[in-house]
Amino acid sequence: MRFLQDVATDDVDETGWGAPDHLWVVRHARVDVLEPVLEGGDVVLLTWCSGTASLAAGRRLSLAGERGGRVEVDSVWVHLGADSRPARIEDFDVYAEAGAGRLVSTRLELSGPPPEAERIPWPVRAADLDVMGHVNNAVYWQAVEQCLGTMPLDVRGSLRVRLDHRHPVDLGDDVELAFAWADGSSTVAFVVRGLVKAVARVDELG
C-alpha cells in the first residue's frame, strides 16, 4: 500500500496540488485484489482522479504485475490547506478531464467490531507517523495483514479490503486491534479507550 500512496503523492506534487500548500488524508479506501502478485518482476502503477467533492477528491489506482497479478484501488482523500484544516477545492482544472464531473462521498459505511472481538495491543512507533504527526495510512494496512494471519481466509485468492478512517491515531495512543471473523468476513478495528478510530473489513471475492 505504501507504493500506491507514494504514486499518489508523486502525482499531486507534479500538478502543484501537493505539500506544503495542499495536504491529503485518506477518508476511506477499497482495495480489490483481483489476482495476487505472487511472482517477482516489475509492476506497473497507474493513478487518476475519479471524482471530486467540495472538500475531497477520489483517486483510482491500478496495479498490474509483469508476471501476473492485478489490484484495483478506489479511495477518497480529504483536502487540507497548509494549516492542516479542511479546505475547499477550487481551480482543480488539471484533474477535470479525469474526474469527468463525477461526485465522490466522504460518508463512512463500515460498522465497528462485535462485542466478542478478540483484542491485542498495537504499539505505535515514531516511524509510523506522517508529516502531520498521525499514523500513516499505509501502516494501518500492515496491522490488517497481521490480523488476517489468524483468520480462515485464503490470502492467495481474490479479496476485497475496505478501510474507513474515523479519527487519526497519534503517537502515545494506547491502541487495541479488535478483530473478528463472522459470515465469511473479517473485521479489524483500531480502538483507543473505547473509541473506534478506524475499521477495516475483508471479504473473499467470488
C-alpha atoms as a PDB file:
ATOM      1  CA  MET A   1       0.000   0.000   0.000  1.00  0.00           C
ATOM      2  CA  ARG A   2       2.881   2.356   0.624  1.00  0.00           C
ATOM      3  CA  PHE A   3       3.905   2.106  -3.049  1.00  0.00           C
ATOM      4  CA  LEU A   4       0.391   3.113  -4.103  1.00  0.00           C
ATOM      5  CA  GLN A   5       0.465   6.002  -1.659  1.00  0.00           C
ATOM      6  CA  ASP A   6       3.826   7.152  -2.999  1.00  0.00           C
ATOM      7  CA  VAL A   7       2.462   7.176  -6.561  1.00  0.00           C
ATOM      8  CA  ALA A   8      -0.455   9.344  -5.419  1.00  0.00           C
ATOM      9  CA  THR A   9       1.948  11.738  -3.685  1.00  0.00           C
ATOM     10  CA  ASP A  10       4.138  11.979  -6.783  1.00  0.00           C
ATOM     11  CA  ASP A  11       1.066  12.814  -8.868  1.00  0.00           C
ATOM     12  CA  VAL A  12      -0.127  15.744  -6.745  1.00  0.00           C
ATOM     13  CA  ASP A  13       3.430  17.037  -6.404  1.00  0.00           C
ATOM     14  CA  GLU A  14       3.752  17.148 -10.199  1.00  0.00           C
ATOM     15  CA  THR A  15       0.461  19.022 -10.652  1.00  0.00           C
ATOM     16  CA  GLY A  16       1.035  21.590  -7.912  1.00  0.00           C
ATOM     17  CA  TRP A  17      -1.529  20.058  -5.569  1.00  0.00           C
ATOM     18  CA  GLY A  18       0.990  18.637  -3.106  1.00  0.00           C
ATOM     19  CA  ALA A  19       2.649  19.796   0.108  1.00  0.00           C
ATOM     20  CA  PRO A  20       3.155  22.225   1.678  1.00  0.00           C
ATOM     21  CA  ASP A  21       0.169  24.192   0.358  1.00  0.00           C
ATOM     22  CA  HIS A  22      -2.077  21.154  -0.078  1.00  0.00           C
ATOM     23  CA  LEU A  23      -2.283  18.114   2.165  1.00  0.00           C
ATOM     24  CA  TRP A  24      -4.369  14.989   1.598  1.00  0.00           C
ATOM     25  CA  VAL A  25      -5.610  12.406   4.105  1.00  0.00           C
ATOM     26  CA  VAL A  26      -7.431   9.197   3.238  1.00  0.00           C
ATOM     27  CA  ARG A  27     -11.066   9.087   4.348  1.00  0.00           C
ATOM     28  CA  HIS A  28     -11.841   5.628   3.032  1.00  0.00           C
ATOM     29  CA  ALA A  29     -10.393   3.135   0.581  1.00  0.00           C
ATOM     30  CA  ARG A  30     -11.369  -0.077  -1.164  1.00  0.00           C
ATOM     31  CA  VAL A  31      -8.711  -2.482  -2.418  1.00  0.00           C
ATOM     32  CA  ASP A  32      -9.752  -5.273  -4.781  1.00  0.00           C
ATOM     33  CA  VAL A  33      -7.058  -7.912  -5.084  1.00  0.00           C
ATOM     34  CA  LEU A  34      -8.371  -9.497  -8.281  1.00  0.00           C
ATOM     35  CA  GLU A  35      -5.244 -11.558  -8.813  1.00  0.00           C
ATOM     36  CA  PRO A  36      -2.470 -11.567  -6.180  1.00  0.00           C
ATOM     37  CA  VAL A  37       1.024 -10.584  -7.258  1.00  0.00           C
ATOM     38  CA  LEU A  38       2.807 -13.811  -6.317  1.00  0.00           C
ATOM     39  CA  GLU A  39       5.776 -13.812  -8.686  1.00  0.00           C
ATOM     40  CA  GLY A  40       8.752 -11.493  -8.996  1.00  0.00           C
ATOM     41  CA  GLY A  41       9.247  -8.935 -11.734  1.00  0.00           C
ATOM     42  CA  ASP A  42       8.207  -5.359 -12.281  1.00  0.00           C
ATOM     43  CA  VAL A  43       4.769  -3.920 -11.618  1.00  0.00           C
ATOM     44  CA  VAL A  44       3.052  -1.023 -13.377  1.00  0.00           C
ATOM     45  CA  LEU A  45       1.113   1.514 -11.302  1.00  0.00           C
ATOM     46  CA  LEU A  46      -1.419   3.890 -12.831  1.00  0.00           C
ATOM     47  CA  THR A  47      -3.398   6.568 -10.985  1.00  0.00           C
ATOM     48  CA  TRP A  48      -6.047   9.133 -11.895  1.00  0.00           C
ATOM     49  CA  CYS A  49      -8.715  11.335 -10.324  1.00  0.00           C
ATOM     50  CA  SER A  50     -12.058   9.550 -10.134  1.00  0.00           C
ATOM     51  CA  GLY A  51     -14.231  12.461  -8.998  1.00  0.00           C
ATOM     52  CA  THR A  52     -14.482  15.403  -6.636  1.00  0.00           C
ATOM     53  CA  ALA A  53     -16.479  16.912  -3.784  1.00  0.00           C
ATOM     54  CA  SER A  54     -16.238  20.330  -2.187  1.00  0.00           C
ATOM     55  CA  LEU A  55     -13.605  19.185   0.325  1.00  0.00           C
ATOM     56  CA  ALA A  56     -12.408  15.874  -1.119  1.00  0.00           C
ATOM     57  CA  ALA A  57     -11.302  14.092  -4.258  1.00  0.00           C
ATOM     58  CA  GLY A  58     -11.416  10.497  -5.404  1.00  0.00           C
ATOM     59  CA  ARG A  59      -8.359   8.627  -6.595  1.00  0.00           C
ATOM     60  CA  ARG A  60      -8.191   5.376  -8.508  1.00  0.00           C
ATOM     61  CA  LEU A  61      -5.051   3.275  -8.671  1.00  0.00           C
ATOM     62  CA  SER A  62      -4.405   0.244 -10.833  1.00  0.00           C
ATOM     63  CA  LEU A  63      -1.540  -2.202 -10.324  1.00  0.00           C
ATOM     64  CA  ALA A  64      -0.531  -4.880 -12.825  1.00  0.00           C
ATOM     65  CA  GLY A  65       2.325  -7.332 -12.346  1.00  0.00           C
ATOM     66  CA  GLU A  66       4.729  -8.222 -15.139  1.00  0.00           C
ATOM     67  CA  ARG A  67       4.257 -11.922 -14.316  1.00  0.00           C
ATOM     68  CA  GLY A  68       0.633 -11.773 -13.302  1.00  0.00           C
ATOM     69  CA  GLY A  69      -1.339 -10.051 -10.635  1.00  0.00           C
ATOM     70  CA  ARG A  70      -3.872  -7.238 -10.675  1.00  0.00           C
ATOM     71  CA  VAL A  71      -5.027  -4.894  -7.919  1.00  0.00           C
ATOM     72  CA  GLU A  72      -7.593  -2.081  -8.214  1.00  0.00           C
ATOM     73  CA  VAL A  73      -7.898   0.650  -5.582  1.00  0.00           C
ATOM     74  CA  ASP A  74     -10.689   3.202  -5.168  1.00  0.00           C
ATOM     75  CA  SER A  75     -10.170   5.857  -2.488  1.00  0.00           C
ATOM     76  CA  VAL A  76     -11.404   9.229  -1.277  1.00  0.00           C
ATOM     77  CA  TRP A  77      -8.993  11.786   0.155  1.00  0.00           C
ATOM     78  CA  VAL A  78      -9.928  14.873   2.182  1.00  0.00           C
ATOM     79  CA  HIS A  79      -8.185  18.075   1.103  1.00  0.00           C
ATOM     80  CA  LEU A  80      -6.432  20.117   3.786  1.00  0.00           C
ATOM     81  CA  GLY A  81      -4.812  23.520   3.476  1.00  0.00           C
ATOM     82  CA  ALA A  82      -1.345  24.465   4.675  1.00  0.00           C
ATOM     83  CA  ASP A  83      -2.825  24.925   8.171  1.00  0.00           C
ATOM     84  CA  SER A  84      -3.921  21.242   8.185  1.00  0.00           C
ATOM     85  CA  ARG A  85      -7.596  22.207   8.231  1.00  0.00           C
ATOM     86  CA  PRO A  86     -10.181  21.042   5.655  1.00  0.00           C
ATOM     87  CA  ALA A  87     -10.163  23.389   2.664  1.00  0.00           C
ATOM     88  CA  ARG A  88     -12.438  23.771  -0.344  1.00  0.00           C
ATOM     89  CA  ILE A  89     -11.100  22.516  -3.644  1.00  0.00           C
ATOM     90  CA  GLU A  90     -11.042  25.281  -6.231  1.00  0.00           C
ATOM     91  CA  ASP A  91      -9.409  25.630  -9.664  1.00  0.00           C
ATOM     92  CA  PHE A  92      -8.929  21.871  -9.905  1.00  0.00           C
ATOM     93  CA  ASP A  93      -8.806  22.059 -13.696  1.00  0.00           C
ATOM     94  CA  VAL A  94      -5.777  19.813 -14.041  1.00  0.00           C
ATOM     95  CA  TYR A  95      -7.937  16.893 -12.863  1.00  0.00           C
ATOM     96  CA  ALA A  96     -11.196  17.961 -14.513  1.00  0.00           C
ATOM     97  CA  GLU A  97     -10.969  15.681 -17.534  1.00  0.00           C
ATOM     98  CA  ALA A  98     -10.203  12.573 -15.492  1.00  0.00           C
ATOM     99  CA  GLY A  99     -12.835  13.405 -12.853  1.00  0.00           C
ATOM    100  CA  ALA A 100     -15.438  13.946 -15.589  1.00  0.00           C
ATOM    101  CA  GLY A 101     -17.815  15.719 -13.214  1.00  0.00           C
ATOM    102  CA  ARG A 102     -18.299  12.646 -11.015  1.00  0.00           C
ATOM    103  CA  LEU A 103     -19.107  13.246  -7.359  1.00  0.00           C
ATOM    104  CA  VAL A 104     -17.448  11.356  -4.524  1.00  0.00           C
ATOM    105  CA  SER A 105     -18.673  10.899  -0.964  1.00  0.00           C
ATOM    106  CA  THR A 106     -16.786  11.010   2.316  1.00  0.00           C
ATOM    107  CA  ARG A 107     -19.525   9.021   4.048  1.00  0.00           C
ATOM    108  CA  LEU A 108     -18.253   6.052   6.052  1.00  0.00           C
ATOM    109  CA  GLU A 109     -20.066   2.723   5.823  1.00  0.00           C
ATOM    110  CA  LEU A 110     -18.268   0.144   7.958  1.00  0.00           C
ATOM    111  CA  SER A 111     -19.601  -0.729  11.408  1.00  0.00           C
ATOM    112  CA  GLY A 112     -17.433  -1.265  14.457  1.00  0.00           C
ATOM    113  CA  PRO A 113     -16.210  -4.578  15.863  1.00  0.00           C
ATOM    114  CA  PRO A 114     -18.625  -7.005  17.529  1.00  0.00           C
ATOM    115  CA  PRO A 115     -18.507  -7.276  21.344  1.00  0.00           C
ATOM    116  CA  GLU A 116     -16.895 -10.714  21.139  1.00  0.00           C
ATOM    117  CA  ALA A 117     -13.960  -9.478  19.038  1.00  0.00           C
ATOM    118  CA  GLU A 118     -10.538 -10.634  20.145  1.00  0.00           C
ATOM    119  CA  ARG A 119      -8.255  -7.798  21.216  1.00  0.00           C
ATOM    120  CA  ILE A 120      -4.493  -7.365  21.204  1.00  0.00           C
ATOM    121  CA  PRO A 121      -2.322  -4.304  21.878  1.00  0.00           C
ATOM    122  CA  TRP A 122      -0.867  -2.499  18.866  1.00  0.00           C
ATOM    123  CA  PRO A 123       2.044  -0.201  19.783  1.00  0.00           C
ATOM    124  CA  VAL A 124       2.503   2.969  17.747  1.00  0.00           C
ATOM    125  CA  ARG A 125       6.089   3.808  16.786  1.00  0.00           C
ATOM    126  CA  ALA A 126       7.551   7.192  15.871  1.00  0.00           C
ATOM    127  CA  ALA A 127       8.440   5.723  12.470  1.00  0.00           C
ATOM    128  CA  ASP A 128       4.716   5.125  11.827  1.00  0.00           C
ATOM    129  CA  LEU A 129       3.842   8.834  11.727  1.00  0.00           C
ATOM    130  CA  ASP A 130       3.193  11.041   8.712  1.00  0.00           C
ATOM    131  CA  VAL A 131       4.095  14.709   8.246  1.00  0.00           C
ATOM    132  CA  MET A 132       1.056  15.751  10.311  1.00  0.00           C
ATOM    133  CA  GLY A 133       2.071  13.600  13.272  1.00  0.00           C
ATOM    134  CA  HIS A 134      -0.621  10.951  12.765  1.00  0.00           C
ATOM    135  CA  VAL A 135      -0.178   7.273  11.942  1.00  0.00           C
ATOM    136  CA  ASN A 136       0.479   6.933   8.214  1.00  0.00           C
ATOM    137  CA  ASN A 137      -2.282   5.390   6.128  1.00  0.00           C
ATOM    138  CA  ALA A 138      -0.014   2.594   4.892  1.00  0.00           C
ATOM    139  CA  VAL A 139       0.723   1.462   8.465  1.00  0.00           C
ATOM    140  CA  TYR A 140      -2.943   0.590   9.086  1.00  0.00           C
ATOM    141  CA  TRP A 141      -2.756  -1.932   6.264  1.00  0.00           C
ATOM    142  CA  GLN A 142       0.207  -3.634   7.928  1.00  0.00           C
ATOM    143  CA  ALA A 143      -1.914  -4.205  11.030  1.00  0.00           C
ATOM    144  CA  VAL A 144      -4.762  -5.596   8.925  1.00  0.00           C
ATOM    145  CA  GLU A 145      -2.359  -8.066   7.313  1.00  0.00           C
ATOM    146  CA  GLN A 146      -1.143  -9.083  10.761  1.00  0.00           C
ATOM    147  CA  CYS A 147      -4.671  -9.963  11.885  1.00  0.00           C
ATOM    148  CA  LEU A 148      -5.536 -11.784   8.668  1.00  0.00           C
ATOM    149  CA  GLY A 149      -2.915 -14.376   9.500  1.00  0.00           C
ATOM    150  CA  THR A 150      -5.143 -15.592  12.340  1.00  0.00           C
ATOM    151  CA  MET A 151      -8.321 -15.928  10.252  1.00  0.00           C
ATOM    152  CA  PRO A 152      -9.561 -18.631   7.855  1.00  0.00           C
ATOM    153  CA  LEU A 153      -9.127 -16.530   4.721  1.00  0.00           C
ATOM    154  CA  ASP A 154      -7.304 -17.626   1.595  1.00  0.00           C
ATOM    155  CA  VAL A 155      -4.941 -14.670   1.268  1.00  0.00           C
ATOM    156  CA  ARG A 156      -3.629 -16.114  -2.008  1.00  0.00           C
ATOM    157  CA  GLY A 157      -7.082 -15.748  -3.539  1.00  0.00           C
ATOM    158  CA  SER A 158      -9.130 -12.749  -4.613  1.00  0.00           C
ATOM    159  CA  LEU A 159     -10.043 -10.371  -1.793  1.00  0.00           C
ATOM    160  CA  ARG A 160     -11.802  -7.060  -1.220  1.00  0.00           C
ATOM    161  CA  VAL A 161     -10.477  -4.958   1.641  1.00  0.00           C
ATOM    162  CA  ARG A 162     -12.168  -1.756   2.791  1.00  0.00           C
ATOM    163  CA  LEU A 163     -10.780   0.680   5.330  1.00  0.00           C
ATOM    164  CA  ASP A 164     -12.626   3.622   6.906  1.00  0.00           C
ATOM    165  CA  HIS A 165     -10.727   6.310   8.818  1.00  0.00           C
ATOM    166  CA  ARG A 166     -12.880   7.903  11.503  1.00  0.00           C
ATOM    167  CA  HIS A 167     -10.269   9.682  13.654  1.00  0.00           C
ATOM    168  CA  PRO A 168      -6.477   9.949  13.487  1.00  0.00           C
ATOM    169  CA  VAL A 169      -4.268   7.724  15.621  1.00  0.00           C
ATOM    170  CA  ASP A 170      -1.381   9.560  17.276  1.00  0.00           C
ATOM    171  CA  LEU A 171       1.878   8.673  18.966  1.00  0.00           C
ATOM    172  CA  GLY A 172       1.155   7.810  22.594  1.00  0.00           C
ATOM    173  CA  ASP A 173      -2.306   6.397  21.910  1.00  0.00           C
ATOM    174  CA  ASP A 174      -2.932   3.032  23.590  1.00  0.00           C
ATOM    175  CA  VAL A 175      -4.279   1.216  20.556  1.00  0.00           C
ATOM    176  CA  GLU A 176      -6.017  -2.144  20.609  1.00  0.00           C
ATOM    177  CA  LEU A 177      -6.685  -4.171  17.484  1.00  0.00           C
ATOM    178  CA  ALA A 178     -10.159  -5.694  17.781  1.00  0.00           C
ATOM    179  CA  PHE A 179     -10.634  -8.404  15.181  1.00  0.00           C
ATOM    180  CA  ALA A 180     -13.303 -10.972  14.460  1.00  0.00           C
ATOM    181  CA  TRP A 181     -14.430 -13.443  11.813  1.00  0.00           C
ATOM    182  CA  ALA A 182     -18.105 -13.906  11.011  1.00  0.00           C
ATOM    183  CA  ASP A 183     -20.216 -14.869   7.994  1.00  0.00           C
ATOM    184  CA  GLY A 184     -17.203 -15.130   5.707  1.00  0.00           C
ATOM    185  CA  SER A 185     -15.847 -11.659   6.527  1.00  0.00           C
ATOM    186  CA  SER A 186     -13.071 -10.349   8.736  1.00  0.00           C
ATOM    187  CA  THR A 187     -13.330  -7.127  10.726  1.00  0.00           C
ATOM    188  CA  VAL A 188     -10.309  -5.314  12.144  1.00  0.00           C
ATOM    189  CA  ALA A 189     -10.829  -2.185  14.244  1.00  0.00           C
ATOM    190  CA  PHE A 190      -8.346   0.252  15.749  1.00  0.00           C
ATOM    191  CA  VAL A 191      -9.679   1.140  19.199  1.00  0.00           C
ATOM    192  CA  VAL A 192      -8.344   3.747  21.642  1.00  0.00           C
ATOM    193  CA  ARG A 193     -10.000   3.860  25.081  1.00  0.00           C
ATOM    194  CA  GLY A 194     -13.231   2.508  23.675  1.00  0.00           C
ATOM    195  CA  LEU A 195     -13.296   4.839  20.648  1.00  0.00           C
ATOM    196  CA  VAL A 196     -13.077   3.197  17.220  1.00  0.00           C
ATOM    197  CA  LYS A 197     -10.567   5.278  15.284  1.00  0.00           C
ATOM    198  CA  ALA A 198     -10.567   3.183  12.099  1.00  0.00           C
ATOM    199  CA  VAL A 199     -12.141  -0.046  10.903  1.00  0.00           C
ATOM    200  CA  ALA A 200     -11.368  -2.471   8.084  1.00  0.00           C
ATOM    201  CA  ARG A 201     -13.378  -5.283   6.543  1.00  0.00           C
ATOM    202  CA  VAL A 202     -12.037  -8.108   4.398  1.00  0.00           C
ATOM    203  CA  ASP A 203     -14.220 -10.252   2.120  1.00  0.00           C
ATOM    204  CA  GLU A 204     -13.381 -13.004  -0.312  1.00  0.00           C
ATOM    205  CA  LEU A 205     -14.353 -12.236  -3.884  1.00  0.00           C
ATOM    206  CA  GLY A 206     -16.220 -14.978  -5.710  1.00  0.00           C
END
